[in-house]
């Protein structure tokens, strides 16, 4: 599946330039700001604590953010076969028996396999 997520933030630290989101088994295609300008980002290869809960997406904002400033980050991404939050029921097990049934199980540990999510305490999601 491909899509995008538009995350709104309120900055809580003066002159912040880095945003860290978490993901697991996603492919991040691009990251933009609200004006559709590309932002630099790096998907780290492993979690800093060496635990298998996901990998940070480190986004560099295009300028220093003021304290209490609202801003948006838009991530364009696709899921993979390893995105465990997305699950399927075979069509034979549905009432119509015509199509598969897709559902999401977004427990906190699984959500990061469906969309990049917030983990950095300096930012408050609104």
PDB file of N, CA and C in Angstrom:
ATOM      1  N   UNK A   1       0.845  -1.167   0.000  1.00  0.00           N
ATOM      2  CA  UNK A   1       0.000   0.000   0.000  1.00  0.00           C
ATOM      3  C   UNK A   1       0.892   1.232   0.000  1.00  0.00           C
ATOM      4  N   UNK A   2       0.437   2.251  -0.721  1.00  0.00           N
ATOM      5  CA  UNK A   2       1.147   3.524  -0.730  1.00  0.00           C
ATOM      6  C   UNK A   2       0.231   4.615  -0.224  1.00  0.00           C
ATOM      7  N   UNK A   3       0.824   5.598   0.407  1.00  0.00           N
ATOM      8  CA  UNK A   3       0.033   6.713   0.899  1.00  0.00           C
ATOM      9  C   UNK A   3       0.917   7.784   1.490  1.00  0.00           C
ATOM     10  N   UNK A   4       0.283   8.681   2.208  1.00  0.00           N
ATOM     11  CA  UNK A   4       1.040   9.711   2.914  1.00  0.00           C
ATOM     12  C   UNK A   4       0.349   9.981   4.234  1.00  0.00           C
ATOM     13  N   UNK A   5       1.113  10.520   5.157  1.00  0.00           N
ATOM     14  CA  UNK A   5       0.577  10.940   6.443  1.00  0.00           C
ATOM     15  C   UNK A   5       1.032  12.380   6.660  1.00  0.00           C
ATOM     16  N   UNK A   6       0.092  13.225   7.080  1.00  0.00           N
ATOM     17  CA  UNK A   6       0.363  14.631   7.358  1.00  0.00           C
ATOM     18  C   UNK A   6       0.273  14.797   8.867  1.00  0.00           C
ATOM     19  N   UNK A   7       1.411  14.993   9.511  1.00  0.00           N
ATOM     20  CA  UNK A   7       1.463  15.068  10.968  1.00  0.00           C
ATOM     21  C   UNK A   7       1.656  16.525  11.389  1.00  0.00           C
ATOM     22  N   UNK A   8       0.776  16.996  12.259  1.00  0.00           N
ATOM     23  CA  UNK A   8       0.854  18.362  12.787  1.00  0.00           C
ATOM     24  C   UNK A   8       1.544  18.333  14.141  1.00  0.00           C
ATOM     25  N   UNK A   9       2.432  19.280  14.339  1.00  0.00           N
ATOM     26  CA  UNK A   9       3.190  19.371  15.579  1.00  0.00           C
ATOM     27  C   UNK A   9       3.093  20.769  16.159  1.00  0.00           C
ATOM     28  N   UNK A  10       3.378  20.868  17.460  1.00  0.00           N
ATOM     29  CA  UNK A  10       3.656  22.136  18.125  1.00  0.00           C
ATOM     30  C   UNK A  10       5.061  21.983  18.692  1.00  0.00           C
ATOM     31  N   UNK A  11       5.971  22.833  18.248  1.00  0.00           N
ATOM     32  CA  UNK A  11       7.361  22.743  18.692  1.00  0.00           C
ATOM     33  C   UNK A  11       7.479  23.201  20.142  1.00  0.00           C
ATOM     34  N   UNK A  12       8.181  22.453  20.958  1.00  0.00           N
ATOM     35  CA  UNK A  12       8.327  22.778  22.376  1.00  0.00           C
ATOM     36  C   UNK A  12       9.749  23.192  22.760  1.00  0.00           C
ATOM     37  N   UNK A  13      10.656  23.271  21.770  1.00  0.00           N
ATOM     38  CA  UNK A  13      12.048  23.627  22.035  1.00  0.00           C
ATOM     39  C   UNK A  13      12.467  24.729  21.058  1.00  0.00           C
ATOM     40  N   UNK A  14      12.978  25.834  21.559  1.00  0.00           N
ATOM     41  CA  UNK A  14      13.422  26.928  20.699  1.00  0.00           C
ATOM     42  C   UNK A  14      14.540  26.460  19.776  1.00  0.00           C
ATOM     43  N   UNK A  15      14.462  26.857  18.501  1.00  0.00           N
ATOM     44  CA  UNK A  15      15.486  26.594  17.476  1.00  0.00           C
ATOM     45  C   UNK A  15      15.631  25.116  17.122  1.00  0.00           C
ATOM     46  N   UNK A  16      14.609  24.336  17.341  1.00  0.00           N
ATOM     47  CA  UNK A  16      14.645  22.914  16.971  1.00  0.00           C
ATOM     48  C   UNK A  16      14.700  22.785  15.443  1.00  0.00           C
ATOM     49  N   UNK A  17      15.501  21.863  14.935  1.00  0.00           N
ATOM     50  CA  UNK A  17      15.576  21.626  13.491  1.00  0.00           C
ATOM     51  C   UNK A  17      15.388  20.157  13.132  1.00  0.00           C
ATOM     52  N   UNK A  18      15.427  19.280  14.112  1.00  0.00           N
ATOM     53  CA  UNK A  18      15.353  17.833  13.862  1.00  0.00           C
ATOM     54  C   UNK A  18      14.032  17.283  14.409  1.00  0.00           C
ATOM     55  N   UNK A  19      13.391  16.442  13.630  1.00  0.00           N
ATOM     56  CA  UNK A  19      12.192  15.726  14.046  1.00  0.00           C
ATOM     57  C   UNK A  19      12.513  14.246  13.902  1.00  0.00           C
ATOM     58  N   UNK A  20      12.191  13.449  14.906  1.00  0.00           N
ATOM     59  CA  UNK A  20      12.452  12.009  14.839  1.00  0.00           C
ATOM     60  C   UNK A  20      11.125  11.263  14.941  1.00  0.00           C
ATOM     61  N   UNK A  21      10.836  10.474  13.927  1.00  0.00           N
ATOM     62  CA  UNK A  21       9.656   9.611  13.921  1.00  0.00           C
ATOM     63  C   UNK A  21      10.124   8.167  13.910  1.00  0.00           C
ATOM     64  N   UNK A  22       9.238   7.275  14.221  1.00  0.00           N
ATOM     65  CA  UNK A  22       9.593   5.863  14.245  1.00  0.00           C
ATOM     66  C   UNK A  22       8.883   5.144  13.120  1.00  0.00           C
ATOM     67  N   UNK A  23       9.509   4.101  12.600  1.00  0.00           N
ATOM     68  CA  UNK A  23       8.897   3.273  11.578  1.00  0.00           C
ATOM     69  C   UNK A  23       9.465   1.873  11.705  1.00  0.00           C
ATOM     70  N   UNK A  24       8.774   0.946  11.100  1.00  0.00           N
ATOM     71  CA  UNK A  24       9.284  -0.416  11.043  1.00  0.00           C
ATOM     72  C   UNK A  24       8.788  -1.032   9.742  1.00  0.00           C
ATOM     73  N   UNK A  25       9.725  -1.431   8.916  1.00  0.00           N
ATOM     74  CA  UNK A  25       9.427  -2.109   7.655  1.00  0.00           C
ATOM     75  C   UNK A  25       8.624  -1.260   6.677  1.00  0.00           C
ATOM     76  N   UNK A  26       8.814   0.060   6.708  1.00  0.00           N
ATOM     77  CA  UNK A  26       8.191   0.952   5.739  1.00  0.00           C
ATOM     78  C   UNK A  26       9.243   1.450   4.757  1.00  0.00           C
ATOM     79  N   UNK A  27       8.802   1.863   3.582  1.00  0.00           N
ATOM     80  CA  UNK A  27       9.685   2.514   2.614  1.00  0.00           C
ATOM     81  C   UNK A  27       9.253   3.978   2.562  1.00  0.00           C
ATOM     82  N   UNK A  28      10.137   4.872   2.989  1.00  0.00           N
ATOM     83  CA  UNK A  28       9.842   6.305   2.973  1.00  0.00           C
ATOM     84  C   UNK A  28      10.341   6.854   1.640  1.00  0.00           C
ATOM     85  N   UNK A  29       9.420   7.397   0.827  1.00  0.00           N
ATOM     86  CA  UNK A  29       9.775   7.903  -0.505  1.00  0.00           C
ATOM     87  C   UNK A  29      10.235   9.352  -0.463  1.00  0.00           C
ATOM     88  N   UNK A  30       9.497  10.186   0.268  1.00  0.00           N
ATOM     89  CA  UNK A  30       9.896  11.593   0.411  1.00  0.00           C
ATOM     90  C   UNK A  30       9.199  12.191   1.615  1.00  0.00           C
ATOM     91  N   UNK A  31       9.769  13.311   2.077  1.00  0.00           N
ATOM     92  CA  UNK A  31       9.214  14.055   3.205  1.00  0.00           C
ATOM     93  C   UNK A  31       9.155  15.511   2.791  1.00  0.00           C
ATOM     94  N   UNK A  32       8.008  16.162   3.037  1.00  0.00           N
ATOM     95  CA  UNK A  32       7.850  17.568   2.670  1.00  0.00           C
ATOM     96  C   UNK A  32       7.280  18.355   3.846  1.00  0.00           C
ATOM     97  N   UNK A  33       7.358  19.685   3.718  1.00  0.00           N
ATOM     98  CA  UNK A  33       6.692  20.552   4.690  1.00  0.00           C
ATOM     99  C   UNK A  33       5.310  20.914   4.145  1.00  0.00           C
ATOM    100  N   UNK A  34       4.589  21.776   4.832  1.00  0.00           N
ATOM    101  CA  UNK A  34       3.226  22.131   4.426  1.00  0.00           C
ATOM    102  C   UNK A  34       3.182  22.858   3.084  1.00  0.00           C
ATOM    103  N   UNK A  35       4.295  23.463   2.671  1.00  0.00           N
ATOM    104  CA  UNK A  35       4.355  24.164   1.373  1.00  0.00           C
ATOM    105  C   UNK A  35       4.874  23.259   0.266  1.00  0.00           C
ATOM    106  N   UNK A  36       4.945  21.954   0.544  1.00  0.00           N
ATOM    107  CA  UNK A  36       5.373  20.927  -0.406  1.00  0.00           C
ATOM    108  C   UNK A  36       6.862  21.019  -0.767  1.00  0.00           C
ATOM    109  N   UNK A  37       7.660  21.691   0.051  1.00  0.00           N
ATOM    110  CA  UNK A  37       9.112  21.732  -0.159  1.00  0.00           C
ATOM    111  C   UNK A  37       9.714  20.464   0.450  1.00  0.00           C
ATOM    112  N   UNK A  38      10.610  19.832  -0.283  1.00  0.00           N
ATOM    113  CA  UNK A  38      11.249  18.610   0.205  1.00  0.00           C
ATOM    114  C   UNK A  38      12.093  18.890   1.440  1.00  0.00           C
ATOM    115  N   UNK A  39      12.032  17.966   2.390  1.00  0.00           N
ATOM    116  CA  UNK A  39      12.868  18.019   3.588  1.00  0.00           C
ATOM    117  C   UNK A  39      13.848  16.857   3.539  1.00  0.00           C
ATOM    118  N   UNK A  40      15.048  17.093   4.030  1.00  0.00           N
ATOM    119  CA  UNK A  40      16.037  16.018   4.109  1.00  0.00           C
ATOM    120  C   UNK A  40      15.642  15.045   5.216  1.00  0.00           C
ATOM    121  N   UNK A  41      15.868  13.747   4.953  1.00  0.00           N
ATOM    122  CA  UNK A  41      15.565  12.740   5.957  1.00  0.00           C
ATOM    123  C   UNK A  41      16.504  11.556   5.788  1.00  0.00           C
ATOM    124  N   UNK A  42      16.682  10.840   6.883  1.00  0.00           N
ATOM    125  CA  UNK A  42      17.491   9.622   6.899  1.00  0.00           C
ATOM    126  C   UNK A  42      16.718   8.572   7.689  1.00  0.00           C
ATOM    127  N   UNK A  43      16.586   7.386   7.116  1.00  0.00           N
ATOM    128  CA  UNK A  43      16.028   6.262   7.848  1.00  0.00           C
ATOM    129  C   UNK A  43      17.218   5.496   8.407  1.00  0.00           C
ATOM    130  N   UNK A  44      17.372   5.521   9.718  1.00  0.00           N
ATOM    131  CA  UNK A  44      18.517   4.855  10.327  1.00  0.00           C
ATOM    132  C   UNK A  44      18.377   3.343  10.189  1.00  0.00           C
ATOM    133  N   UNK A  45      19.500   2.656  10.161  1.00  0.00           N
ATOM    134  CA  UNK A  45      19.491   1.214   9.907  1.00  0.00           C
ATOM    135  C   UNK A  45      19.087   0.381  11.122  1.00  0.00           C
ATOM    136  N   UNK A  46      19.203   0.943  12.310  1.00  0.00           N
ATOM    137  CA  UNK A  46      18.791   0.205  13.506  1.00  0.00           C
ATOM    138  C   UNK A  46      18.401   1.183  14.605  1.00  0.00           C
ATOM    139  N   UNK A  47      17.679   0.688  15.586  1.00  0.00           N
ATOM    140  CA  UNK A  47      17.270   1.500  16.725  1.00  0.00           C
ATOM    141  C   UNK A  47      18.498   1.788  17.587  1.00  0.00           C
ATOM    142  N   UNK A  48      18.644   3.020  18.103  1.00  0.00           N
ATOM    143  CA  UNK A  48      19.824   3.353  18.908  1.00  0.00           C
ATOM    144  C   UNK A  48      20.014   2.475  20.142  1.00  0.00           C
ATOM    145  N   UNK A  49      18.930   1.933  20.678  1.00  0.00           N
ATOM    146  CA  UNK A  49      19.038   1.072  21.861  1.00  0.00           C
ATOM    147  C   UNK A  49      19.238  -0.390  21.493  1.00  0.00           C
ATOM    148  N   UNK A  50      19.385  -0.665  20.190  1.00  0.00           N
ATOM    149  CA  UNK A  50      19.627  -2.031  19.685  1.00  0.00           C
ATOM    150  C   UNK A  50      18.474  -2.982  20.020  1.00  0.00           C
ATOM    151  N   UNK A  51      17.254  -2.443  20.058  1.00  0.00           N
ATOM    152  CA  UNK A  51      16.094  -3.290  20.308  1.00  0.00           C
ATOM    153  C   UNK A  51      15.241  -3.336  19.032  1.00  0.00           C
ATOM    154  N   UNK A  52      14.600  -4.459  18.755  1.00  0.00           N
ATOM    155  CA  UNK A  52      13.909  -4.630  17.463  1.00  0.00           C
ATOM    156  C   UNK A  52      12.491  -4.059  17.428  1.00  0.00           C
ATOM    157  N   UNK A  53      12.338  -2.782  17.801  1.00  0.00           N
ATOM    158  CA  UNK A  53      10.998  -2.196  17.792  1.00  0.00           C
ATOM    159  C   UNK A  53      10.785  -1.248  16.627  1.00  0.00           C
ATOM    160  N   UNK A  54      11.794  -1.004  15.837  1.00  0.00           N
ATOM    161  CA  UNK A  54      11.673  -0.092  14.710  1.00  0.00           C
ATOM    162  C   UNK A  54      12.950   0.691  14.520  1.00  0.00           C
ATOM    163  N   UNK A  55      12.924   1.550  13.512  1.00  0.00           N
ATOM    164  CA  UNK A  55      14.092   2.376  13.224  1.00  0.00           C
ATOM    165  C   UNK A  55      13.667   3.833  13.093  1.00  0.00           C
ATOM    166  N   UNK A  56      14.468   4.751  13.613  1.00  0.00           N
ATOM    167  CA  UNK A  56      14.125   6.170  13.550  1.00  0.00           C
ATOM    168  C   UNK A  56      14.192   6.721  12.127  1.00  0.00           C
ATOM    169  N   UNK A  57      13.252   7.622  11.837  1.00  0.00           N
ATOM    170  CA  UNK A  57      13.297   8.447  10.633  1.00  0.00           C
ATOM    171  C   UNK A  57      13.669   9.835  11.131  1.00  0.00           C
ATOM    172  N   UNK A  58      14.869  10.283  10.805  1.00  0.00           N
ATOM    173  CA  UNK A  58      15.366  11.577  11.278  1.00  0.00           C
ATOM    174  C   UNK A  58      15.154  12.594  10.157  1.00  0.00           C
ATOM    175  N   UNK A  59      14.307  13.580  10.429  1.00  0.00           N
ATOM    176  CA  UNK A  59      13.939  14.599   9.445  1.00  0.00           C
ATOM    177  C   UNK A  59      14.572  15.915   9.858  1.00  0.00           C
ATOM    178  N   UNK A  60      15.238  16.573   8.920  1.00  0.00           N
ATOM    179  CA  UNK A  60      15.811  17.894   9.170  1.00  0.00           C
ATOM    180  C   UNK A  60      14.859  18.927   8.595  1.00  0.00           C
ATOM    181  N   UNK A  61      14.299  19.774   9.475  1.00  0.00           N
ATOM    182  CA  UNK A  61      13.378  20.797   8.995  1.00  0.00           C
ATOM    183  C   UNK A  61      14.164  21.852   8.236  1.00  0.00           C
ATOM    184  N   UNK A  62      13.487  22.605   7.374  1.00  0.00           N
ATOM    185  CA  UNK A  62      14.156  23.540   6.474  1.00  0.00           C
ATOM    186  C   UNK A  62      14.586  24.843   7.134  1.00  0.00           C
ATOM    187  N   UNK A  63      14.295  24.981   8.427  1.00  0.00           N
ATOM    188  CA  UNK A  63      14.707  26.182   9.177  1.00  0.00           C
ATOM    189  C   UNK A  63      14.585  25.882  10.657  1.00  0.00           C
ATOM    190  N   UNK A  64      15.075  26.813  11.487  1.00  0.00           N
ATOM    191  CA  UNK A  64      14.924  26.667  12.931  1.00  0.00           C
ATOM    192  C   UNK A  64      13.489  27.010  13.315  1.00  0.00           C
ATOM    193  N   UNK A  65      12.916  26.185  14.159  1.00  0.00           N
ATOM    194  CA  UNK A  65      11.535  26.390  14.588  1.00  0.00           C
ATOM    195  C   UNK A  65      11.494  27.145  15.908  1.00  0.00           C
ATOM    196  N   UNK A  66      10.545  28.045  16.022  1.00  0.00           N
ATOM    197  CA  UNK A  66      10.362  28.795  17.261  1.00  0.00           C
ATOM    198  C   UNK A  66       9.580  27.962  18.269  1.00  0.00           C
ATOM    199  N   UNK A  67       9.784  28.262  19.530  1.00  0.00           N
ATOM    200  CA  UNK A  67       9.020  27.576  20.576  1.00  0.00           C
ATOM    201  C   UNK A  67       7.534  27.873  20.392  1.00  0.00           C
ATOM    202  N   UNK A  68       6.700  26.840  20.548  1.00  0.00           N
ATOM    203  CA  UNK A  68       5.238  26.895  20.410  1.00  0.00           C
ATOM    204  C   UNK A  68       4.763  27.134  18.976  1.00  0.00           C
ATOM    205  N   UNK A  69       5.670  27.047  18.017  1.00  0.00           N
ATOM    206  CA  UNK A  69       5.283  27.186  16.606  1.00  0.00           C
ATOM    207  C   UNK A  69       4.626  25.895  16.117  1.00  0.00           C
ATOM    208  N   UNK A  70       3.532  26.044  15.372  1.00  0.00           N
ATOM    209  CA  UNK A  70       2.868  24.888  14.766  1.00  0.00           C
ATOM    210  C   UNK A  70       3.468  24.646  13.385  1.00  0.00           C
ATOM    211  N   UNK A  71       3.646  23.377  13.036  1.00  0.00           N
ATOM    212  CA  UNK A  71       4.174  23.036  11.719  1.00  0.00           C
ATOM    213  C   UNK A  71       3.733  21.632  11.341  1.00  0.00           C
ATOM    214  N   UNK A  72       3.858  21.338  10.060  1.00  0.00           N
ATOM    215  CA  UNK A  72       3.454  20.034   9.541  1.00  0.00           C
ATOM    216  C   UNK A  72       4.608  19.354   8.833  1.00  0.00           C
ATOM    217  N   UNK A  73       4.584  18.026   8.887  1.00  0.00           N
ATOM    218  CA  UNK A  73       5.522  17.188   8.145  1.00  0.00           C
ATOM    219  C   UNK A  73       4.668  16.170   7.384  1.00  0.00           C
ATOM    220  N   UNK A  74       4.887  16.059   6.084  1.00  0.00           N
ATOM    221  CA  UNK A  74       4.134  15.112   5.258  1.00  0.00           C
ATOM    222  C   UNK A  74       5.101  14.047   4.769  1.00  0.00           C
ATOM    223  N   UNK A  75       4.821  12.802   5.119  1.00  0.00           N
ATOM    224  CA  UNK A  75       5.669  11.676   4.714  1.00  0.00           C
ATOM    225  C   UNK A  75       4.928  10.836   3.692  1.00  0.00           C
ATOM    226  N   UNK A  76       5.568  10.609   2.542  1.00  0.00           N
ATOM    227  CA  UNK A  76       5.038   9.733   1.498  1.00  0.00           C
ATOM    228  C   UNK A  76       5.756   8.399   1.653  1.00  0.00           C
ATOM    229  N   UNK A  77       4.997   7.314   1.763  1.00  0.00           N
ATOM    230  CA  UNK A  77       5.610   6.040   2.101  1.00  0.00           C
ATOM    231  C   UNK A  77       4.803   4.890   1.517  1.00  0.00           C
ATOM    232  N   UNK A  78       5.373   3.715   1.587  1.00  0.00           N
ATOM    233  CA  UNK A  78       4.637   2.496   1.245  1.00  0.00           C
ATOM    234  C   UNK A  78       4.956   1.433   2.287  1.00  0.00           C
ATOM    235  N   UNK A  79       3.981   0.557   2.476  1.00  0.00           N
ATOM    236  CA  UNK A  79       4.153  -0.553   3.400  1.00  0.00           C
ATOM    237  C   UNK A  79       4.852  -1.697   2.668  1.00  0.00           C
ATOM    238  N   UNK A  80       5.237  -2.706   3.408  1.00  0.00           N
ATOM    239  CA  UNK A  80       5.857  -3.903   2.826  1.00  0.00           C
ATOM    240  C   UNK A  80       5.118  -5.136   3.342  1.00  0.00           C
ATOM    241  N   UNK A  81       5.520  -6.294   2.864  1.00  0.00           N
ATOM    242  CA  UNK A  81       4.920  -7.542   3.343  1.00  0.00           C
ATOM    243  C   UNK A  81       5.162  -7.743   4.834  1.00  0.00           C
ATOM    244  N   UNK A  82       6.159  -7.051   5.383  1.00  0.00           N
ATOM    245  CA  UNK A  82       6.501  -7.184   6.795  1.00  0.00           C
ATOM    246  C   UNK A  82       5.742  -6.200   7.690  1.00  0.00           C
ATOM    247  N   UNK A  83       4.823  -5.445   7.118  1.00  0.00           N
ATOM    248  CA  UNK A  83       4.037  -4.488   7.895  1.00  0.00           C
ATOM    249  C   UNK A  83       2.967  -5.243   8.679  1.00  0.00           C
ATOM    250  N   UNK A  84       3.292  -5.640   9.881  1.00  0.00           N
ATOM    251  CA  UNK A  84       2.461  -6.559  10.652  1.00  0.00           C
ATOM    252  C   UNK A  84       1.166  -5.950  11.185  1.00  0.00           C
ATOM    253  N   UNK A  85       0.998  -4.627  11.133  1.00  0.00           N
ATOM    254  CA  UNK A  85      -0.266  -4.029  11.562  1.00  0.00           C
ATOM    255  C   UNK A  85      -1.372  -4.292  10.551  1.00  0.00           C
ATOM    256  N   UNK A  86      -0.998  -4.557   9.300  1.00  0.00           N
ATOM    257  CA  UNK A  86      -1.971  -4.836   8.248  1.00  0.00           C
ATOM    258  C   UNK A  86      -2.135  -6.342   8.147  1.00  0.00           C
ATOM    259  N   UNK A  87      -3.375  -6.780   8.299  1.00  0.00           N
ATOM    260  CA  UNK A  87      -3.632  -8.215   8.252  1.00  0.00           C
ATOM    261  C   UNK A  87      -4.796  -8.484   7.308  1.00  0.00           C
ATOM    262  N   UNK A  88      -4.823  -9.692   6.771  1.00  0.00           N
ATOM    263  CA  UNK A  88      -5.808 -10.061   5.761  1.00  0.00           C
ATOM    264  C   UNK A  88      -6.531 -11.341   6.171  1.00  0.00           C
ATOM    265  N   UNK A  89      -7.833 -11.377   5.846  1.00  0.00           N
ATOM    266  CA  UNK A  89      -8.620 -12.598   5.965  1.00  0.00           C
ATOM    267  C   UNK A  89      -8.830 -13.098   4.531  1.00  0.00           C
ATOM    268  N   UNK A  90      -8.495 -14.351   4.273  1.00  0.00           N
ATOM    269  CA  UNK A  90      -8.681 -14.918   2.935  1.00  0.00           C
ATOM    270  C   UNK A  90     -10.140 -14.818   2.516  1.00  0.00           C
ATOM    271  N   UNK A  91     -10.383 -14.635   1.212  1.00  0.00           N
ATOM    272  CA  UNK A  91     -11.753 -14.464   0.724  1.00  0.00           C
ATOM    273  C   UNK A  91     -12.649 -15.656   1.068  1.00  0.00           C
ATOM    274  N   UNK A  92     -12.075 -16.836   1.177  1.00  0.00           N
ATOM    275  CA  UNK A  92     -12.860 -18.023   1.536  1.00  0.00           C
ATOM    276  C   UNK A  92     -13.438 -17.930   2.955  1.00  0.00           C
ATOM    277  N   UNK A  93     -12.823 -17.096   3.781  1.00  0.00           N
ATOM    278  CA  UNK A  93     -13.269 -16.955   5.177  1.00  0.00           C
ATOM    279  C   UNK A  93     -14.144 -15.723   5.404  1.00  0.00           C
ATOM    280  N   UNK A  94     -14.553 -15.050   4.313  1.00  0.00           N
ATOM    281  CA  UNK A  94     -15.469 -13.910   4.432  1.00  0.00           C
ATOM    282  C   UNK A  94     -16.887 -14.358   4.090  1.00  0.00           C
ATOM    283  N   UNK A  95     -17.864 -13.531   4.409  1.00  0.00           N
ATOM    284  CA  UNK A  95     -19.259 -13.881   4.120  1.00  0.00           C
ATOM    285  C   UNK A  95     -19.503 -13.969   2.615  1.00  0.00           C
ATOM    286  N   UNK A  96     -18.988 -12.981   1.856  1.00  0.00           N
ATOM    287  CA  UNK A  96     -19.243 -12.972   0.410  1.00  0.00           C
ATOM    288  C   UNK A  96     -18.381 -13.974  -0.355  1.00  0.00           C
ATOM    289  N   UNK A  97     -17.250 -14.318   0.223  1.00  0.00           N
ATOM    290  CA  UNK A  97     -16.278 -15.221  -0.407  1.00  0.00           C
ATOM    291  C   UNK A  97     -15.775 -14.696  -1.760  1.00  0.00           C
ATOM    292  N   UNK A  98     -15.883 -13.356  -1.963  1.00  0.00           N
ATOM    293  CA  UNK A  98     -15.467 -12.731  -3.216  1.00  0.00           C
ATOM    294  C   UNK A  98     -14.115 -12.045  -3.070  1.00  0.00           C
ATOM    295  N   UNK A  99     -13.947 -11.263  -2.013  1.00  0.00           N
ATOM    296  CA  UNK A  99     -12.727 -10.483  -1.817  1.00  0.00           C
ATOM    297  C   UNK A  99     -12.107 -10.780  -0.462  1.00  0.00           C
ATOM    298  N   UNK A 100     -10.802 -10.564  -0.408  1.00  0.00           N
ATOM    299  CA  UNK A 100     -10.139 -10.627   0.890  1.00  0.00           C
ATOM    300  C   UNK A 100     -10.630  -9.469   1.748  1.00  0.00           C
ATOM    301  N   UNK A 101     -10.496  -9.609   3.068  1.00  0.00           N
ATOM    302  CA  UNK A 101     -10.863  -8.559   4.005  1.00  0.00           C
ATOM    303  C   UNK A 101      -9.590  -8.079   4.687  1.00  0.00           C
ATOM    304  N   UNK A 102      -9.326  -6.774   4.615  1.00  0.00           N
ATOM    305  CA  UNK A 102      -8.146  -6.209   5.246  1.00  0.00           C
ATOM    306  C   UNK A 102      -8.554  -5.501   6.538  1.00  0.00           C
ATOM    307  N   UNK A 103      -7.743  -5.676   7.562  1.00  0.00           N
ATOM    308  CA  UNK A 103      -7.956  -4.929   8.799  1.00  0.00           C
ATOM    309  C   UNK A 103      -6.606  -4.573   9.401  1.00  0.00           C
ATOM    310  N   UNK A 104      -6.632  -3.567  10.273  1.00  0.00           N
ATOM    311  CA  UNK A 104      -5.418  -3.115  10.926  1.00  0.00           C
ATOM    312  C   UNK A 104      -5.500  -3.395  12.416  1.00  0.00           C
ATOM    313  N   UNK A 105      -4.396  -3.825  12.956  1.00  0.00           N
ATOM    314  CA  UNK A 105      -4.288  -4.043  14.393  1.00  0.00           C
ATOM    315  C   UNK A 105      -3.215  -3.090  14.890  1.00  0.00           C
ATOM    316  N   UNK A 106      -3.647  -1.906  15.314  1.00  0.00           N
ATOM    317  CA  UNK A 106      -2.689  -0.863  15.667  1.00  0.00           C
ATOM    318  C   UNK A 106      -2.454  -0.764  17.159  1.00  0.00           C
ATOM    319  N   UNK A 107      -1.942  -1.818  17.731  1.00  0.00           N
ATOM    320  CA  UNK A 107      -1.394  -1.707  19.075  1.00  0.00           C
ATOM    321  C   UNK A 107      -0.159  -0.813  18.939  1.00  0.00           C
ATOM    322  N   UNK A 108       0.259  -0.141  20.008  1.00  0.00           N
ATOM    323  CA  UNK A 108       1.372   0.804  19.870  1.00  0.00           C
ATOM    324  C   UNK A 108       2.612   0.225  19.185  1.00  0.00           C
ATOM    325  N   UNK A 109       2.952  -1.002  19.442  1.00  0.00           N
ATOM    326  CA  UNK A 109       4.156  -1.573  18.839  1.00  0.00           C
ATOM    327  C   UNK A 109       3.970  -1.857  17.350  1.00  0.00           C
ATOM    328  N   UNK A 110       2.717  -2.037  16.903  1.00  0.00           N
ATOM    329  CA  UNK A 110       2.455  -2.367  15.506  1.00  0.00           C
ATOM    330  C   UNK A 110       2.180  -1.156  14.629  1.00  0.00           C
ATOM    331  N   UNK A 111       1.710  -0.053  15.192  1.00  0.00           N
ATOM    332  CA  UNK A 111       1.348   1.116  14.372  1.00  0.00           C
ATOM    333  C   UNK A 111       2.498   1.596  13.500  1.00  0.00           C
ATOM    334  N   UNK A 112       3.701   1.514  13.999  1.00  0.00           N
ATOM    335  CA  UNK A 112       4.866   1.995  13.235  1.00  0.00           C
ATOM    336  C   UNK A 112       5.106   1.187  11.972  1.00  0.00           C
ATOM    337  N   UNK A 113       4.410   0.033  11.809  1.00  0.00           N
ATOM    338  CA  UNK A 113       4.533  -0.747  10.577  1.00  0.00           C
ATOM    339  C   UNK A 113       3.479  -0.338   9.552  1.00  0.00           C
ATOM    340  N   UNK A 114       2.558   0.555   9.952  1.00  0.00           N
ATOM    341  CA  UNK A 114       1.511   1.030   9.049  1.00  0.00           C
ATOM    342  C   UNK A 114       1.731   2.474   8.624  1.00  0.00           C
ATOM    343  N   UNK A 115       2.281   3.302   9.515  1.00  0.00           N
ATOM    344  CA  UNK A 115       2.613   4.687   9.173  1.00  0.00           C
ATOM    345  C   UNK A 115       3.707   5.173  10.115  1.00  0.00           C
ATOM    346  N   UNK A 116       4.541   6.109   9.660  1.00  0.00           N
ATOM    347  CA  UNK A 116       5.570   6.665  10.554  1.00  0.00           C
ATOM    348  C   UNK A 116       4.884   7.406  11.694  1.00  0.00           C
ATOM    349  N   UNK A 117       5.366   7.207  12.910  1.00  0.00           N
ATOM    350  CA  UNK A 117       4.696   7.793  14.065  1.00  0.00           C
ATOM    351  C   UNK A 117       5.677   8.526  14.968  1.00  0.00           C
ATOM    352  N   UNK A 118       5.129   9.328  15.860  1.00  0.00           N
ATOM    353  CA  UNK A 118       5.924  10.188  16.735  1.00  0.00           C
ATOM    354  C   UNK A 118       6.498   9.409  17.909  1.00  0.00           C
ATOM    355  N   UNK A 119       7.768   9.647  18.192  1.00  0.00           N
ATOM    356  CA  UNK A 119       8.370   9.078  19.386  1.00  0.00           C
ATOM    357  C   UNK A 119       9.154  10.104  20.187  1.00  0.00           C
ATOM    358  N   UNK A 120       9.414  11.268  19.629  1.00  0.00           N
ATOM    359  CA  UNK A 120      10.275  12.250  20.289  1.00  0.00           C
ATOM    360  C   UNK A 120       9.479  13.092  21.282  1.00  0.00           C
ATOM    361  N   UNK A 121       9.893  13.076  22.531  1.00  0.00           N
ATOM    362  CA  UNK A 121       9.161  13.727  23.617  1.00  0.00           C
ATOM    363  C   UNK A 121       9.130  15.251  23.463  1.00  0.00           C
ATOM    364  N   UNK A 122      10.111  15.837  22.769  1.00  0.00           N
ATOM    365  CA  UNK A 122      10.147  17.297  22.624  1.00  0.00           C
ATOM    366  C   UNK A 122       8.995  17.814  21.774  1.00  0.00           C
ATOM    367  N   UNK A 123       8.314  16.933  21.044  1.00  0.00           N
ATOM    368  CA  UNK A 123       7.222  17.359  20.188  1.00  0.00           C
ATOM    369  C   UNK A 123       5.911  16.799  20.704  1.00  0.00           C
ATOM    370  N   UNK A 124       4.875  17.592  20.624  1.00  0.00           N
ATOM    371  CA  UNK A 124       3.550  17.164  21.055  1.00  0.00           C
ATOM    372  C   UNK A 124       2.668  17.083  19.812  1.00  0.00           C
ATOM    373  N   UNK A 125       2.093  15.940  19.556  1.00  0.00           N
ATOM    374  CA  UNK A 125       1.218  15.745  18.407  1.00  0.00           C
ATOM    375  C   UNK A 125      -0.115  16.446  18.671  1.00  0.00           C
ATOM    376  N   UNK A 126      -0.642  17.185  17.697  1.00  0.00           N
ATOM    377  CA  UNK A 126      -1.961  17.836  17.880  1.00  0.00           C
ATOM    378  C   UNK A 126      -2.952  17.291  16.885  1.00  0.00           C
TER     379      UNK A 126
END
